[in-house]
Amino acid sequence: MTAMGGLYGRYHGQILRLARSSTADGAWKAKLREILANFDDDCRHLSTSSSGELRHELASQIEQEVLRFSDPEKCKVLTLAIKHLDAEDE
């Protein structure tokens, strides 16, 4: 497994698990910030093009995941993750 593949799998899984367990109290927000900060740190060890590709692929997959959820809190987790990934990719 490539480094990018490993990072993709790790962060996709973490974000998806967080979305599935999120509740209306918003306690998930701090955990999402932590996950995304760790993701950003890991991306710093990749080339600019690899980092951009990883961000794009992860954001695209998470966009598909949003369609599977009807719970607004779960969608919020995923939408915020997408916004973060897209903002860093620009």
C-alpha atoms as a PDB file:
ATOM      1  CA  MET A   1       0.000   0.000   0.000  1.00  0.00           C
ATOM      2  CA  THR A   2       1.323   3.425  -0.912  1.00  0.00           C
ATOM      3  CA  ALA A   3       1.709   6.207   1.640  1.00  0.00           C
ATOM      4  CA  MET A   4      -1.143   8.078  -0.022  1.00  0.00           C
ATOM      5  CA  GLY A   5      -3.341   4.993  -0.008  1.00  0.00           C
ATOM      6  CA  GLY A   6      -2.652   4.475   3.673  1.00  0.00           C
ATOM      7  CA  LEU A   7      -3.461   8.084   4.505  1.00  0.00           C
ATOM      8  CA  TYR A   8      -6.595   7.997   2.375  1.00  0.00           C
ATOM      9  CA  GLY A   9      -7.865   4.885   4.145  1.00  0.00           C
ATOM     10  CA  ARG A  10      -6.992   6.159   7.608  1.00  0.00           C
ATOM     11  CA  TYR A  11      -8.636   9.556   7.281  1.00  0.00           C
ATOM     12  CA  HIS A  12     -11.627   8.394   5.262  1.00  0.00           C
ATOM     13  CA  GLY A  13     -12.323   5.846   7.985  1.00  0.00           C
ATOM     14  CA  GLN A  14     -11.853   8.301  10.844  1.00  0.00           C
ATOM     15  CA  ILE A  15     -14.106  10.936   9.305  1.00  0.00           C
ATOM     16  CA  LEU A  16     -16.785   8.397   8.407  1.00  0.00           C
ATOM     17  CA  ARG A  17     -16.738   6.829  11.897  1.00  0.00           C
ATOM     18  CA  LEU A  18     -17.011  10.281  13.444  1.00  0.00           C
ATOM     19  CA  ALA A  19     -19.978  11.136  11.209  1.00  0.00           C
ATOM     20  CA  ARG A  20     -21.726   7.896  12.118  1.00  0.00           C
ATOM     21  CA  SER A  21     -21.299   8.539  15.846  1.00  0.00           C
ATOM     22  CA  SER A  22     -22.022  12.298  15.818  1.00  0.00           C
ATOM     23  CA  THR A  23     -24.782  13.721  17.969  1.00  0.00           C
ATOM     24  CA  ALA A  24     -26.654  17.030  18.068  1.00  0.00           C
ATOM     25  CA  ASP A  25     -24.627  18.267  21.052  1.00  0.00           C
ATOM     26  CA  GLY A  26     -21.756  19.112  18.691  1.00  0.00           C
ATOM     27  CA  ALA A  27     -19.166  17.217  20.722  1.00  0.00           C
ATOM     28  CA  TRP A  28     -17.812  15.875  17.420  1.00  0.00           C
ATOM     29  CA  LYS A  29     -16.486  19.291  16.356  1.00  0.00           C
ATOM     30  CA  ALA A  30     -13.316  19.121  18.458  1.00  0.00           C
ATOM     31  CA  LYS A  31     -12.599  15.600  17.225  1.00  0.00           C
ATOM     32  CA  LEU A  32     -13.089  16.674  13.604  1.00  0.00           C
ATOM     33  CA  ARG A  33     -10.657  19.566  14.110  1.00  0.00           C
ATOM     34  CA  GLU A  34      -8.140  17.105  15.557  1.00  0.00           C
ATOM     35  CA  ILE A  35      -8.552  14.650  12.673  1.00  0.00           C
ATOM     36  CA  LEU A  36      -8.178  17.401  10.064  1.00  0.00           C
ATOM     37  CA  ALA A  37      -5.140  18.898  11.826  1.00  0.00           C
ATOM     38  CA  ASN A  38      -3.474  15.472  11.838  1.00  0.00           C
ATOM     39  CA  PHE A  39      -4.372  15.058   8.167  1.00  0.00           C
ATOM     40  CA  ASP A  40      -2.803  18.439   7.356  1.00  0.00           C
ATOM     41  CA  ASP A  41       0.350  17.456   9.249  1.00  0.00           C
ATOM     42  CA  ASP A  42       0.598  14.205   7.312  1.00  0.00           C
ATOM     43  CA  CYS A  43       0.047  16.026   4.007  1.00  0.00           C
ATOM     44  CA  ARG A  44       3.049  18.247   4.728  1.00  0.00           C
ATOM     45  CA  HIS A  45       5.229  15.161   4.240  1.00  0.00           C
ATOM     46  CA  LEU A  46       3.897  14.636   0.702  1.00  0.00           C
ATOM     47  CA  SER A  47       4.758  16.510  -2.454  1.00  0.00           C
ATOM     48  CA  THR A  48       2.432  19.363  -3.347  1.00  0.00           C
ATOM     49  CA  SER A  49       0.905  17.390  -6.202  1.00  0.00           C
ATOM     50  CA  SER A  50       0.410  14.250  -4.071  1.00  0.00           C
ATOM     51  CA  SER A  51      -1.142  16.279  -1.282  1.00  0.00           C
ATOM     52  CA  GLY A  52      -3.516  17.965  -3.720  1.00  0.00           C
ATOM     53  CA  GLU A  53      -4.473  14.648  -5.285  1.00  0.00           C
ATOM     54  CA  LEU A  54      -5.106  13.083  -1.875  1.00  0.00           C
ATOM     55  CA  ARG A  55      -7.262  16.022  -0.778  1.00  0.00           C
ATOM     56  CA  HIS A  56      -9.260  15.910  -4.008  1.00  0.00           C
ATOM     57  CA  GLU A  57      -9.839  12.151  -3.858  1.00  0.00           C
ATOM     58  CA  LEU A  58     -10.838  12.227  -0.199  1.00  0.00           C
ATOM     59  CA  ALA A  59     -13.196  15.195  -0.688  1.00  0.00           C
ATOM     60  CA  SER A  60     -14.792  13.502  -3.707  1.00  0.00           C
ATOM     61  CA  GLN A  61     -15.413  10.293  -1.792  1.00  0.00           C
ATOM     62  CA  ILE A  62     -16.815  12.119   1.228  1.00  0.00           C
ATOM     63  CA  GLU A  63     -19.180  14.023  -1.091  1.00  0.00           C
ATOM     64  CA  GLN A  64     -20.569  10.633  -2.117  1.00  0.00           C
ATOM     65  CA  GLU A  65     -20.902   9.606   1.533  1.00  0.00           C
ATOM     66  CA  VAL A  66     -23.050  12.666   2.301  1.00  0.00           C
ATOM     67  CA  LEU A  67     -25.701  11.251  -0.005  1.00  0.00           C
ATOM     68  CA  ARG A  68     -26.009   8.148   2.176  1.00  0.00           C
ATOM     69  CA  PHE A  69     -26.978  10.043   5.326  1.00  0.00           C
ATOM     70  CA  SER A  70     -30.274  11.698   6.144  1.00  0.00           C
ATOM     71  CA  ASP A  71     -29.281  12.836   9.654  1.00  0.00           C
ATOM     72  CA  PRO A  72     -28.309  16.535   9.524  1.00  0.00           C
ATOM     73  CA  GLU A  73     -25.575  16.157  12.166  1.00  0.00           C
ATOM     74  CA  LYS A  74     -23.880  13.389  10.230  1.00  0.00           C
ATOM     75  CA  CYS A  75     -24.080  15.457   7.056  1.00  0.00           C
ATOM     76  CA  LYS A  76     -22.621  18.443   8.902  1.00  0.00           C
ATOM     77  CA  VAL A  77     -19.529  16.469   9.902  1.00  0.00           C
ATOM     78  CA  LEU A  78     -18.933  15.388   6.329  1.00  0.00           C
ATOM     79  CA  THR A  79     -19.699  18.805   4.831  1.00  0.00           C
ATOM     80  CA  LEU A  80     -17.238  20.538   7.151  1.00  0.00           C
ATOM     81  CA  ALA A  81     -14.574  17.980   6.282  1.00  0.00           C
ATOM     82  CA  ILE A  82     -15.181  18.583   2.566  1.00  0.00           C
ATOM     83  CA  LYS A  83     -14.949  22.361   3.017  1.00  0.00           C
ATOM     84  CA  HIS A  84     -11.640  21.961   4.828  1.00  0.00           C
ATOM     85  CA  LEU A  85     -10.204  19.646   2.182  1.00  0.00           C
ATOM     86  CA  ASP A  86     -11.382  21.858  -0.684  1.00  0.00           C
ATOM     87  CA  ALA A  87     -10.116  25.068   0.948  1.00  0.00           C
ATOM     88  CA  GLU A  88      -6.617  23.648   1.366  1.00  0.00           C
ATOM     89  CA  ASP A  89      -6.637  22.341  -2.190  1.00  0.00           C
ATOM     90  CA  GLU A  90      -7.111  25.784  -3.753  1.00  0.00           C
END
